Amino acid sequence: MKSILVLLLLAGIIFVLPLQQPVFAQMGASEQIMQHMRFTHSQLANNIDEVKELIKNNNTAEAMTLLDGMDIKINHMNTMFNDLVWELSNKGH
């Protein structure tokens, strides 16, 4: 079950992110980063609700797997935030 959740997470990243590319192509770098951060944030918010539901139903192993995936997304958001700060500092903000 753990491997299925990891595969679903990776499939979501592989198939959803390319859909965002045409929008990114029309924006500047800081707008791209902010758009991606908003998308990742909404995914994390949905995952929190799912983790709560899994814990209520005593599916702790699946909840832990989902939390591991969330940890990866949070680290990714930290990187995006650092990139955004760097991008804005180069614009003189």
C-alpha atoms as a PDB file:
ATOM      1  CA  MET A   1       0.000   0.000   0.000  1.00  0.00           C
ATOM      2  CA  LYS A   2       2.899   2.325   0.794  1.00  0.00           C
ATOM      3  CA  SER A   3       4.386   1.874  -2.660  1.00  0.00           C
ATOM      4  CA  ILE A   4       1.015   2.594  -4.286  1.00  0.00           C
ATOM      5  CA  LEU A   5       0.725   5.918  -2.458  1.00  0.00           C
ATOM      6  CA  VAL A   6       4.281   6.866  -3.419  1.00  0.00           C
ATOM      7  CA  LEU A   7       3.551   5.978  -7.047  1.00  0.00           C
ATOM      8  CA  LEU A   8       0.363   8.050  -6.983  1.00  0.00           C
ATOM      9  CA  LEU A   9       2.263  10.989  -5.517  1.00  0.00           C
ATOM     10  CA  LEU A  10       4.957  10.740  -8.180  1.00  0.00           C
ATOM     11  CA  ALA A  11       2.379  10.296 -10.949  1.00  0.00           C
ATOM     12  CA  GLY A  12       0.612  13.420  -9.731  1.00  0.00           C
ATOM     13  CA  ILE A  13       3.836  15.384  -9.845  1.00  0.00           C
ATOM     14  CA  ILE A  14       4.780  14.033 -13.272  1.00  0.00           C
ATOM     15  CA  PHE A  15       1.378  14.529 -14.891  1.00  0.00           C
ATOM     16  CA  VAL A  16       0.118  17.678 -13.158  1.00  0.00           C
ATOM     17  CA  LEU A  17       3.205  19.874 -13.352  1.00  0.00           C
ATOM     18  CA  PRO A  18       3.531  19.683 -17.163  1.00  0.00           C
ATOM     19  CA  LEU A  19      -0.050  20.957 -17.413  1.00  0.00           C
ATOM     20  CA  GLN A  20       1.080  24.113 -15.668  1.00  0.00           C
ATOM     21  CA  GLN A  21       3.911  24.835 -18.128  1.00  0.00           C
ATOM     22  CA  PRO A  22       1.938  26.923 -20.694  1.00  0.00           C
ATOM     23  CA  VAL A  23       0.872  29.256 -17.885  1.00  0.00           C
ATOM     24  CA  PHE A  24       4.449  29.444 -16.591  1.00  0.00           C
ATOM     25  CA  ALA A  25       5.763  30.306 -20.053  1.00  0.00           C
ATOM     26  CA  GLN A  26       3.732  33.530 -20.031  1.00  0.00           C
ATOM     27  CA  MET A  27       4.885  34.689 -16.581  1.00  0.00           C
ATOM     28  CA  GLY A  28       8.067  35.995 -15.073  1.00  0.00           C
ATOM     29  CA  ALA A  29      10.179  33.820 -12.808  1.00  0.00           C
ATOM     30  CA  SER A  30       8.779  35.207  -9.535  1.00  0.00           C
ATOM     31  CA  GLU A  31       5.192  34.776 -10.757  1.00  0.00           C
ATOM     32  CA  GLN A  32       5.996  31.192 -11.777  1.00  0.00           C
ATOM     33  CA  ILE A  33       7.403  30.399  -8.364  1.00  0.00           C
ATOM     34  CA  MET A  34       4.433  31.959  -6.585  1.00  0.00           C
ATOM     35  CA  GLN A  35       1.940  30.079  -8.780  1.00  0.00           C
ATOM     36  CA  HIS A  36       3.713  26.784  -8.094  1.00  0.00           C
ATOM     37  CA  MET A  37       3.872  27.548  -4.362  1.00  0.00           C
ATOM     38  CA  ARG A  38       0.107  28.198  -4.288  1.00  0.00           C
ATOM     39  CA  PHE A  39      -0.518  24.904  -6.088  1.00  0.00           C
ATOM     40  CA  THR A  40       1.759  22.979  -3.710  1.00  0.00           C
ATOM     41  CA  HIS A  41       0.158  24.690  -0.705  1.00  0.00           C
ATOM     42  CA  SER A  42      -3.321  23.613  -1.791  1.00  0.00           C
ATOM     43  CA  GLN A  43      -2.062  20.033  -2.234  1.00  0.00           C
ATOM     44  CA  LEU A  44      -0.644  20.091   1.293  1.00  0.00           C
ATOM     45  CA  ALA A  45      -3.909  21.453   2.696  1.00  0.00           C
ATOM     46  CA  ASN A  46      -5.809  18.603   1.047  1.00  0.00           C
ATOM     47  CA  ASN A  47      -3.281  16.095   2.343  1.00  0.00           C
ATOM     48  CA  ILE A  48      -3.759  17.303   5.926  1.00  0.00           C
ATOM     49  CA  ASP A  49      -7.465  16.531   5.725  1.00  0.00           C
ATOM     50  CA  GLU A  50      -6.681  13.110   4.281  1.00  0.00           C
ATOM     51  CA  VAL A  51      -4.147  12.355   7.041  1.00  0.00           C
ATOM     52  CA  LYS A  52      -6.726  13.262   9.693  1.00  0.00           C
ATOM     53  CA  GLU A  53      -9.248  10.936   8.079  1.00  0.00           C
ATOM     54  CA  LEU A  54      -6.722   8.101   7.828  1.00  0.00           C
ATOM     55  CA  ILE A  55      -5.805   8.466  11.499  1.00  0.00           C
ATOM     56  CA  LYS A  56      -9.473   8.481  12.527  1.00  0.00           C
ATOM     57  CA  ASN A  57      -9.894   5.211  10.626  1.00  0.00           C
ATOM     58  CA  ASN A  58      -6.747   3.713  12.215  1.00  0.00           C
ATOM     59  CA  ASN A  59      -4.868   3.605   8.899  1.00  0.00           C
ATOM     60  CA  THR A  60      -1.701   4.878  10.528  1.00  0.00           C
ATOM     61  CA  ALA A  61       0.678   3.245   8.047  1.00  0.00           C
ATOM     62  CA  GLU A  62      -1.002   5.035   5.139  1.00  0.00           C
ATOM     63  CA  ALA A  63      -1.093   8.249   7.137  1.00  0.00           C
ATOM     64  CA  MET A  64       2.648   7.988   7.777  1.00  0.00           C
ATOM     65  CA  THR A  65       3.303   7.402   4.074  1.00  0.00           C
ATOM     66  CA  LEU A  66       1.263  10.475   3.196  1.00  0.00           C
ATOM     67  CA  LEU A  67       3.116  12.489   5.831  1.00  0.00           C
ATOM     68  CA  ASP A  68       6.427  11.406   4.305  1.00  0.00           C
ATOM     69  CA  GLY A  69       5.218  12.741   0.950  1.00  0.00           C
ATOM     70  CA  MET A  70       4.111  15.957   2.608  1.00  0.00           C
ATOM     71  CA  ASP A  71       7.570  16.339   4.124  1.00  0.00           C
ATOM     72  CA  ILE A  72       9.045  16.171   0.624  1.00  0.00           C
ATOM     73  CA  LYS A  73       6.587  18.815  -0.601  1.00  0.00           C
ATOM     74  CA  ILE A  74       7.373  21.090   2.347  1.00  0.00           C
ATOM     75  CA  ASN A  75      11.092  20.845   1.615  1.00  0.00           C
ATOM     76  CA  HIS A  76      10.297  21.660  -2.017  1.00  0.00           C
ATOM     77  CA  MET A  77       8.274  24.707  -0.903  1.00  0.00           C
ATOM     78  CA  ASN A  78      11.212  25.867   1.224  1.00  0.00           C
ATOM     79  CA  THR A  79      13.420  25.694  -1.862  1.00  0.00           C
ATOM     80  CA  MET A  80      10.839  27.590  -3.916  1.00  0.00           C
ATOM     81  CA  PHE A  81      10.599  30.259  -1.211  1.00  0.00           C
ATOM     82  CA  ASN A  82      14.375  30.677  -1.210  1.00  0.00           C
ATOM     83  CA  ASP A  83      14.287  30.951  -5.020  1.00  0.00           C
ATOM     84  CA  LEU A  84      11.526  33.558  -4.786  1.00  0.00           C
ATOM     85  CA  VAL A  85      13.500  35.632  -2.278  1.00  0.00           C
ATOM     86  CA  TRP A  86      16.565  35.410  -4.495  1.00  0.00           C
ATOM     87  CA  GLU A  87      14.539  36.393  -7.581  1.00  0.00           C
ATOM     88  CA  LEU A  88      12.930  39.362  -5.827  1.00  0.00           C
ATOM     89  CA  SER A  89      16.247  40.523  -4.366  1.00  0.00           C
ATOM     90  CA  ASN A  90      17.656  40.632  -7.897  1.00  0.00           C
ATOM     91  CA  LYS A  91      14.775  42.930  -8.863  1.00  0.00           C
ATOM     92  CA  GLY A  92      15.624  45.308  -6.006  1.00  0.00           C
ATOM     93  CA  HIS A  93      12.704  44.449  -3.734  1.00  0.00           C
END
